[in-house]
Amino acid sequence: MDEGTSDISQMSFEQALGALEEIVQQLESGSVPLDKSIELYERGEALRKHCQARLDAAQQRIERIVTDRSGNPTGTEPLDADG
């Protein structure tokens, strides 16, 4: 399944999330054979990790741009801070 993992690394967040949603739907349907379910679960886990990494990276980028009125860095703040 290394090929599947390498193509995941090239996916945008939206593409990976869409693929993950498709896998969840397939697994929830209950009509997938056991071996295929295991493969889907493994791919789903790789997609989940990819999505989480993309979210973490976005959060770090947003936190880095927090500055004071003079444009000097002030540190980081949570994303949900309402200044």
PDB file of N, CA and C in Angstrom:
ATOM      1  N   MET A   1       0.823  -1.195   0.000  1.00  0.00           N
ATOM      2  CA  MET A   1       0.000   0.000   0.000  1.00  0.00           C
ATOM      3  C   MET A   1       0.863   1.253   0.000  1.00  0.00           C
ATOM      4  N   ASP A   2       2.161   1.131  -0.251  1.00  0.00           N
ATOM      5  CA  ASP A   2       3.046   2.283  -0.292  1.00  0.00           C
ATOM      6  C   ASP A   2       2.671   3.239  -1.415  1.00  0.00           C
ATOM      7  N   GLU A   3       2.239   2.702  -2.561  1.00  0.00           N
ATOM      8  CA  GLU A   3       1.840   3.567  -3.661  1.00  0.00           C
ATOM      9  C   GLU A   3       0.665   4.447  -3.248  1.00  0.00           C
ATOM     10  N   GLY A   4      -0.294   3.891  -2.531  1.00  0.00           N
ATOM     11  CA  GLY A   4      -1.446   4.646  -2.072  1.00  0.00           C
ATOM     12  C   GLY A   4      -1.050   5.743  -1.112  1.00  0.00           C
ATOM     13  N   THR A   5      -0.075   5.458  -0.276  1.00  0.00           N
ATOM     14  CA  THR A   5       0.392   6.456   0.683  1.00  0.00           C
ATOM     15  C   THR A   5       1.119   7.590  -0.023  1.00  0.00           C
ATOM     16  N   SER A   6       1.899   7.263  -1.058  1.00  0.00           N
ATOM     17  CA  SER A   6       2.634   8.318  -1.757  1.00  0.00           C
ATOM     18  C   SER A   6       1.687   9.249  -2.501  1.00  0.00           C
ATOM     19  N   ASP A   7       0.606   8.729  -3.060  1.00  0.00           N
ATOM     20  CA  ASP A   7      -0.316   9.637  -3.745  1.00  0.00           C
ATOM     21  C   ASP A   7      -1.099  10.492  -2.742  1.00  0.00           C
ATOM     22  N   ILE A   8      -1.262  10.034  -1.534  1.00  0.00           N
ATOM     23  CA  ILE A   8      -1.922  10.830  -0.494  1.00  0.00           C
ATOM     24  C   ILE A   8      -1.101  12.076  -0.194  1.00  0.00           C
ATOM     25  N   SER A   9       0.204  11.944  -0.184  1.00  0.00           N
ATOM     26  CA  SER A   9       1.054  13.089   0.145  1.00  0.00           C
ATOM     27  C   SER A   9       0.928  14.212  -0.881  1.00  0.00           C
ATOM     28  N   GLN A  10       0.433  13.905  -2.065  1.00  0.00           N
ATOM     29  CA  GLN A  10       0.256  14.901  -3.110  1.00  0.00           C
ATOM     30  C   GLN A  10      -1.136  15.535  -3.087  1.00  0.00           C
ATOM     31  N   MET A  11      -2.026  15.028  -2.239  1.00  0.00           N
ATOM     32  CA  MET A  11      -3.405  15.518  -2.191  1.00  0.00           C
ATOM     33  C   MET A  11      -3.515  16.819  -1.408  1.00  0.00           C
ATOM     34  N   SER A  12      -4.449  17.653  -1.849  1.00  0.00           N
ATOM     35  CA  SER A  12      -4.791  18.831  -1.055  1.00  0.00           C
ATOM     36  C   SER A  12      -5.618  18.355   0.139  1.00  0.00           C
ATOM     37  N   PHE A  13      -5.817  19.242   1.084  1.00  0.00           N
ATOM     38  CA  PHE A  13      -6.637  18.902   2.241  1.00  0.00           C
ATOM     39  C   PHE A  13      -8.032  18.492   1.799  1.00  0.00           C
ATOM     40  N   GLU A  14      -8.600  19.252   0.870  1.00  0.00           N
ATOM     41  CA  GLU A  14      -9.966  18.989   0.417  1.00  0.00           C
ATOM     42  C   GLU A  14     -10.078  17.652  -0.295  1.00  0.00           C
ATOM     43  N   GLN A  15      -9.089  17.315  -1.108  1.00  0.00           N
ATOM     44  CA  GLN A  15      -9.092  16.030  -1.800  1.00  0.00           C
ATOM     45  C   GLN A  15      -8.999  14.875  -0.808  1.00  0.00           C
ATOM     46  N   ALA A  16      -8.107  15.004   0.158  1.00  0.00           N
ATOM     47  CA  ALA A  16      -7.931  13.950   1.152  1.00  0.00           C
ATOM     48  C   ALA A  16      -9.182  13.787   2.006  1.00  0.00           C
ATOM     49  N   LEU A  17      -9.799  14.892   2.381  1.00  0.00           N
ATOM     50  CA  LEU A  17     -11.011  14.822   3.181  1.00  0.00           C
ATOM     51  C   LEU A  17     -12.137  14.160   2.395  1.00  0.00           C
ATOM     52  N   GLY A  18     -12.269  14.495   1.122  1.00  0.00           N
ATOM     53  CA  GLY A  18     -13.279  13.869   0.276  1.00  0.00           C
ATOM     54  C   GLY A  18     -13.064  12.374   0.144  1.00  0.00           C
ATOM     55  N   ALA A  19     -11.806  11.970  -0.051  1.00  0.00           N
ATOM     56  CA  ALA A  19     -11.491  10.548  -0.149  1.00  0.00           C
ATOM     57  C   ALA A  19     -11.787   9.838   1.167  1.00  0.00           C
ATOM     58  N   LEU A  20     -11.491  10.482   2.276  1.00  0.00           N
ATOM     59  CA  LEU A  20     -11.777   9.910   3.588  1.00  0.00           C
ATOM     60  C   LEU A  20     -13.277   9.745   3.794  1.00  0.00           C
ATOM     61  N   GLU A  21     -14.059  10.725   3.384  1.00  0.00           N
ATOM     62  CA  GLU A  21     -15.513  10.631   3.503  1.00  0.00           C
ATOM     63  C   GLU A  21     -16.064   9.470   2.680  1.00  0.00           C
ATOM     64  N   GLU A  22     -15.503   9.252   1.490  1.00  0.00           N
ATOM     65  CA  GLU A  22     -15.928   8.121   0.656  1.00  0.00           C
ATOM     66  C   GLU A  22     -15.638   6.790   1.342  1.00  0.00           C
ATOM     67  N   ILE A  23     -14.469   6.701   1.951  1.00  0.00           N
ATOM     68  CA  ILE A  23     -14.095   5.469   2.655  1.00  0.00           C
ATOM     69  C   ILE A  23     -15.039   5.218   3.825  1.00  0.00           C
ATOM     70  N   VAL A  24     -15.351   6.253   4.576  1.00  0.00           N
ATOM     71  CA  VAL A  24     -16.268   6.110   5.714  1.00  0.00           C
ATOM     72  C   VAL A  24     -17.627   5.605   5.231  1.00  0.00           C
ATOM     73  N   GLN A  25     -18.112   6.167   4.142  1.00  0.00           N
ATOM     74  CA  GLN A  25     -19.402   5.730   3.601  1.00  0.00           C
ATOM     75  C   GLN A  25     -19.360   4.256   3.201  1.00  0.00           C
ATOM     76  N   GLN A  26     -18.271   3.850   2.558  1.00  0.00           N
ATOM     77  CA  GLN A  26     -18.140   2.449   2.158  1.00  0.00           C
ATOM     78  C   GLN A  26     -18.114   1.524   3.368  1.00  0.00           C
ATOM     79  N   LEU A  27     -17.347   1.902   4.366  1.00  0.00           N
ATOM     80  CA  LEU A  27     -17.248   1.062   5.563  1.00  0.00           C
ATOM     81  C   LEU A  27     -18.567   1.015   6.327  1.00  0.00           C
ATOM     82  N   GLU A  28     -19.262   2.139   6.393  1.00  0.00           N
ATOM     83  CA  GLU A  28     -20.534   2.183   7.104  1.00  0.00           C
ATOM     84  C   GLU A  28     -21.626   1.396   6.387  1.00  0.00           C
ATOM     85  N   SER A  29     -21.486   1.229   5.088  1.00  0.00           N
ATOM     86  CA  SER A  29     -22.508   0.491   4.336  1.00  0.00           C
ATOM     87  C   SER A  29     -22.561  -0.978   4.742  1.00  0.00           C
ATOM     88  N   GLY A  30     -21.424  -1.496   5.210  1.00  0.00           N
ATOM     89  CA  GLY A  30     -21.382  -2.888   5.646  1.00  0.00           C
ATOM     90  C   GLY A  30     -21.343  -3.886   4.506  1.00  0.00           C
ATOM     91  N   SER A  31     -21.233  -3.415   3.276  1.00  0.00           N
ATOM     92  CA  SER A  31     -21.257  -4.321   2.133  1.00  0.00           C
ATOM     93  C   SER A  31     -19.866  -4.631   1.585  1.00  0.00           C
ATOM     94  N   VAL A  32     -18.836  -4.193   2.274  1.00  0.00           N
ATOM     95  CA  VAL A  32     -17.466  -4.407   1.815  1.00  0.00           C
ATOM     96  C   VAL A  32     -16.907  -5.656   2.493  1.00  0.00           C
ATOM     97  N   PRO A  33     -16.293  -6.561   1.714  1.00  0.00           N
ATOM     98  CA  PRO A  33     -15.680  -7.756   2.311  1.00  0.00           C
ATOM     99  C   PRO A  33     -14.606  -7.379   3.343  1.00  0.00           C
ATOM    100  N   LEU A  34     -14.335  -8.272   4.253  1.00  0.00           N
ATOM    101  CA  LEU A  34     -13.414  -8.016   5.355  1.00  0.00           C
ATOM    102  C   LEU A  34     -12.046  -7.551   4.880  1.00  0.00           C
ATOM    103  N   ASP A  35     -11.435  -8.266   3.928  1.00  0.00           N
ATOM    104  CA  ASP A  35     -10.100  -7.874   3.464  1.00  0.00           C
ATOM    105  C   ASP A  35     -10.101  -6.475   2.872  1.00  0.00           C
ATOM    106  N   LYS A  36     -11.108  -6.158   2.098  1.00  0.00           N
ATOM    107  CA  LYS A  36     -11.227  -4.826   1.514  1.00  0.00           C
ATOM    108  C   LYS A  36     -11.473  -3.780   2.601  1.00  0.00           C
ATOM    109  N   SER A  37     -12.241  -4.143   3.622  1.00  0.00           N
ATOM    110  CA  SER A  37     -12.490  -3.232   4.745  1.00  0.00           C
ATOM    111  C   SER A  37     -11.195  -2.869   5.446  1.00  0.00           C
ATOM    112  N   ILE A  38     -10.329  -3.850   5.617  1.00  0.00           N
ATOM    113  CA  ILE A  38      -9.041  -3.596   6.276  1.00  0.00           C
ATOM    114  C   ILE A  38      -8.195  -2.656   5.424  1.00  0.00           C
ATOM    115  N   GLU A  39      -8.165  -2.886   4.107  1.00  0.00           N
ATOM    116  CA  GLU A  39      -7.423  -1.997   3.214  1.00  0.00           C
ATOM    117  C   GLU A  39      -7.984  -0.579   3.265  1.00  0.00           C
ATOM    118  N   LEU A  40      -9.301  -0.471   3.236  1.00  0.00           N
ATOM    119  CA  LEU A  40      -9.938   0.840   3.292  1.00  0.00           C
ATOM    120  C   LEU A  40      -9.635   1.536   4.615  1.00  0.00           C
ATOM    121  N   TYR A  41      -9.678   0.781   5.704  1.00  0.00           N
ATOM    122  CA  TYR A  41      -9.381   1.360   7.014  1.00  0.00           C
ATOM    123  C   TYR A  41      -7.952   1.900   7.049  1.00  0.00           C
ATOM    124  N   GLU A  42      -7.004   1.124   6.519  1.00  0.00           N
ATOM    125  CA  GLU A  42      -5.607   1.562   6.518  1.00  0.00           C
ATOM    126  C   GLU A  42      -5.432   2.829   5.679  1.00  0.00           C
ATOM    127  N   ARG A  43      -6.077   2.874   4.529  1.00  0.00           N
ATOM    128  CA  ARG A  43      -6.001   4.079   3.689  1.00  0.00           C
ATOM    129  C   ARG A  43      -6.684   5.252   4.395  1.00  0.00           C
ATOM    130  N   GLY A  44      -7.798   4.973   5.039  1.00  0.00           N
ATOM    131  CA  GLY A  44      -8.493   6.019   5.782  1.00  0.00           C
ATOM    132  C   GLY A  44      -7.633   6.600   6.889  1.00  0.00           C
ATOM    133  N   GLU A  45      -6.903   5.754   7.567  1.00  0.00           N
ATOM    134  CA  GLU A  45      -6.017   6.228   8.626  1.00  0.00           C
ATOM    135  C   GLU A  45      -4.907   7.100   8.049  1.00  0.00           C
ATOM    136  N   ALA A  46      -4.362   6.703   6.907  1.00  0.00           N
ATOM    137  CA  ALA A  46      -3.329   7.513   6.256  1.00  0.00           C
ATOM    138  C   ALA A  46      -3.906   8.864   5.817  1.00  0.00           C
ATOM    139  N   LEU A  47      -5.128   8.855   5.305  1.00  0.00           N
ATOM    140  CA  LEU A  47      -5.782  10.100   4.912  1.00  0.00           C
ATOM    141  C   LEU A  47      -6.051  10.981   6.120  1.00  0.00           C
ATOM    142  N   ARG A  48      -6.477  10.392   7.233  1.00  0.00           N
ATOM    143  CA  ARG A  48      -6.727  11.159   8.450  1.00  0.00           C
ATOM    144  C   ARG A  48      -5.448  11.830   8.941  1.00  0.00           C
ATOM    145  N   LYS A  49      -4.354  11.089   8.923  1.00  0.00           N
ATOM    146  CA  LYS A  49      -3.073  11.646   9.360  1.00  0.00           C
ATOM    147  C   LYS A  49      -2.637  12.792   8.447  1.00  0.00           C
ATOM    148  N   HIS A  50      -2.858  12.617   7.149  1.00  0.00           N
ATOM    149  CA  HIS A  50      -2.508  13.663   6.184  1.00  0.00           C
ATOM    150  C   HIS A  50      -3.336  14.922   6.451  1.00  0.00           C
ATOM    151  N   CYS A  51      -4.625  14.756   6.650  1.00  0.00           N
ATOM    152  CA  CYS A  51      -5.496  15.895   6.932  1.00  0.00           C
ATOM    153  C   CYS A  51      -5.072  16.598   8.216  1.00  0.00           C
ATOM    154  N   GLN A  52      -4.763  15.827   9.244  1.00  0.00           N
ATOM    155  CA  GLN A  52      -4.347  16.426  10.512  1.00  0.00           C
ATOM    156  C   GLN A  52      -3.038  17.195  10.349  1.00  0.00           C
ATOM    157  N   ALA A  53      -2.114  16.643   9.582  1.00  0.00           N
ATOM    158  CA  ALA A  53      -0.846  17.333   9.353  1.00  0.00           C
ATOM    159  C   ALA A  53      -1.066  18.644   8.602  1.00  0.00           C
ATOM    160  N   ARG A  54      -1.971  18.639   7.623  1.00  0.00           N
ATOM    161  CA  ARG A  54      -2.267  19.860   6.879  1.00  0.00           C
ATOM    162  C   ARG A  54      -2.910  20.903   7.788  1.00  0.00           C
ATOM    163  N   LEU A  55      -3.809  20.471   8.654  1.00  0.00           N
ATOM    164  CA  LEU A  55      -4.436  21.402   9.604  1.00  0.00           C
ATOM    165  C   LEU A  55      -3.415  21.976  10.575  1.00  0.00           C
ATOM    166  N   ASP A  56      -2.538  21.115  11.087  1.00  0.00           N
ATOM    167  CA  ASP A  56      -1.499  21.571  12.012  1.00  0.00           C
ATOM    168  C   ASP A  56      -0.590  22.600  11.346  1.00  0.00           C
ATOM    169  N   ALA A  57      -0.220  22.345  10.081  1.00  0.00           N
ATOM    170  CA  ALA A  57       0.644  23.277   9.355  1.00  0.00           C
ATOM    171  C   ALA A  57      -0.059  24.616   9.143  1.00  0.00           C
ATOM    172  N   ALA A  58      -1.334  24.574   8.821  1.00  0.00           N
ATOM    173  CA  ALA A  58      -2.089  25.809   8.630  1.00  0.00           C
ATOM    174  C   ALA A  58      -2.170  26.593   9.927  1.00  0.00           C
ATOM    175  N   GLN A  59      -2.388  25.904  11.022  1.00  0.00           N
ATOM    176  CA  GLN A  59      -2.461  26.577  12.327  1.00  0.00           C
ATOM    177  C   GLN A  59      -1.136  27.243  12.652  1.00  0.00           C
ATOM    178  N   GLN A  60      -0.027  26.566  12.393  1.00  0.00           N
ATOM    179  CA  GLN A  60       1.284  27.155  12.669  1.00  0.00           C
ATOM    180  C   GLN A  60       1.523  28.389  11.814  1.00  0.00           C
ATOM    181  N   ARG A  61       1.106  28.349  10.545  1.00  0.00           N
ATOM    182  CA  ARG A  61       1.281  29.515   9.680  1.00  0.00           C
ATOM    183  C   ARG A  61       0.458  30.688  10.188  1.00  0.00           C
ATOM    184  N   ILE A  62      -0.740  30.449  10.629  1.00  0.00           N
ATOM    185  CA  ILE A  62      -1.596  31.524  11.129  1.00  0.00           C
ATOM    186  C   ILE A  62      -1.035  32.090  12.423  1.00  0.00           C
ATOM    187  N   GLU A  63      -0.548  31.246  13.293  1.00  0.00           N
ATOM    188  CA  GLU A  63       0.016  31.708  14.554  1.00  0.00           C
ATOM    189  C   GLU A  63       1.254  32.557  14.333  1.00  0.00           C
ATOM    190  N   ARG A  64       2.003  32.291  13.299  1.00  0.00           N
ATOM    191  CA  ARG A  64       3.225  33.041  13.037  1.00  0.00           C
ATOM    192  C   ARG A  64       2.956  34.479  12.604  1.00  0.00           C
ATOM    193  N   ILE A  65       1.787  34.759  12.067  1.00  0.00           N
ATOM    194  CA  ILE A  65       1.548  36.099  11.547  1.00  0.00           C
ATOM    195  C   ILE A  65       0.944  37.044  12.581  1.00  0.00           C
ATOM    196  N   VAL A  66       0.844  36.634  13.816  1.00  0.00           N
ATOM    197  CA  VAL A  66       0.332  37.494  14.875  1.00  0.00           C
ATOM    198  C   VAL A  66       1.420  38.506  15.243  1.00  0.00           C
ATOM    199  N   THR A  67       1.090  39.803  15.054  1.00  0.00           N
ATOM    200  CA  THR A  67       2.045  40.872  15.348  1.00  0.00           C
ATOM    201  C   THR A  67       1.344  42.003  16.103  1.00  0.00           C
ATOM    202  N   ASP A  68       2.159  42.913  16.649  1.00  0.00           N
ATOM    203  CA  ASP A  68       1.576  44.087  17.301  1.00  0.00           C
ATOM    204  C   ASP A  68       1.319  45.170  16.255  1.00  0.00           C
ATOM    205  N   ARG A  69       0.880  46.346  16.677  1.00  0.00           N
ATOM    206  CA  ARG A  69       0.528  47.430  15.747  1.00  0.00           C
ATOM    207  C   ARG A  69       1.724  47.927  14.945  1.00  0.00           C
ATOM    208  N   SER A  70       2.923  47.735  15.464  1.00  0.00           N
ATOM    209  CA  SER A  70       4.130  48.167  14.761  1.00  0.00           C
ATOM    210  C   SER A  70       4.649  47.116  13.793  1.00  0.00           C
ATOM    211  N   GLY A  71       4.004  45.966  13.770  1.00  0.00           N
ATOM    212  CA  GLY A  71       4.445  44.885  12.899  1.00  0.00           C
ATOM    213  C   GLY A  71       5.474  43.978  13.527  1.00  0.00           C
ATOM    214  N   ASN A  72       5.711  44.165  14.810  1.00  0.00           N
ATOM    215  CA  ASN A  72       6.669  43.314  15.509  1.00  0.00           C
ATOM    216  C   ASN A  72       5.986  42.043  15.990  1.00  0.00           C
ATOM    217  N   PRO A  73       6.670  40.917  15.875  1.00  0.00           N
ATOM    218  CA  PRO A  73       6.068  39.664  16.348  1.00  0.00           C
ATOM    219  C   PRO A  73       5.763  39.739  17.836  1.00  0.00           C
ATOM    220  N   THR A  74       4.590  39.238  18.207  1.00  0.00           N
ATOM    221  CA  THR A  74       4.190  39.237  19.613  1.00  0.00           C
ATOM    222  C   THR A  74       4.099  37.829  20.171  1.00  0.00           C
ATOM    223  N   GLY A  75       4.439  36.857  19.386  1.00  0.00           N
ATOM    224  CA  GLY A  75       4.306  35.469  19.827  1.00  0.00           C
ATOM    225  C   GLY A  75       3.170  34.812  19.087  1.00  0.00           C
ATOM    226  N   THR A  76       2.583  33.823  19.732  1.00  0.00           N
ATOM    227  CA  THR A  76       1.487  33.116  19.103  1.00  0.00           C
ATOM    228  C   THR A  76       0.240  33.217  19.960  1.00  0.00           C
ATOM    229  N   GLU A  77      -0.902  33.083  19.283  1.00  0.00           N
ATOM    230  CA  GLU A  77      -2.175  33.093  19.964  1.00  0.00           C
ATOM    231  C   GLU A  77      -3.025  31.955  19.414  1.00  0.00           C
ATOM    232  N   PRO A  78      -3.941  31.442  20.191  1.00  0.00           N
ATOM    233  CA  PRO A  78      -4.839  30.404  19.682  1.00  0.00           C
ATOM    234  C   PRO A  78      -5.640  30.929  18.513  1.00  0.00           C
ATOM    235  N   LEU A  79      -6.058  30.013  17.625  1.00  0.00           N
ATOM    236  CA  LEU A  79      -6.835  30.418  16.466  1.00  0.00           C
ATOM    237  C   LEU A  79      -8.170  31.039  16.840  1.00  0.00           C
ATOM    238  N   ASP A  80      -8.729  30.639  17.978  1.00  0.00           N
ATOM    239  CA  ASP A  80     -10.055  31.126  18.338  1.00  0.00           C
ATOM    240  C   ASP A  80     -10.027  32.368  19.222  1.00  0.00           C
ATOM    241  N   ALA A  81      -8.856  33.012  19.325  1.00  0.00           N
ATOM    242  CA  ALA A  81      -8.760  34.234  20.131  1.00  0.00           C
ATOM    243  C   ALA A  81      -9.500  35.368  19.436  1.00  0.00           C
ATOM    244  N   ASP A  82     -10.337  36.076  20.158  1.00  0.00           N
ATOM    245  CA  ASP A  82     -11.140  37.166  19.584  1.00  0.00           C
ATOM    246  C   ASP A  82     -10.620  38.529  20.027  1.00  0.00           C
ATOM    247  N   GLY A  83      -9.318  38.702  20.038  1.00  0.00           N
ATOM    248  CA  GLY A  83      -8.656  39.949  20.383  1.00  0.00           C
ATOM    249  C   GLY A  83      -9.473  40.979  20.900  1.00  0.00           C
TER     250      GLY A  83
END
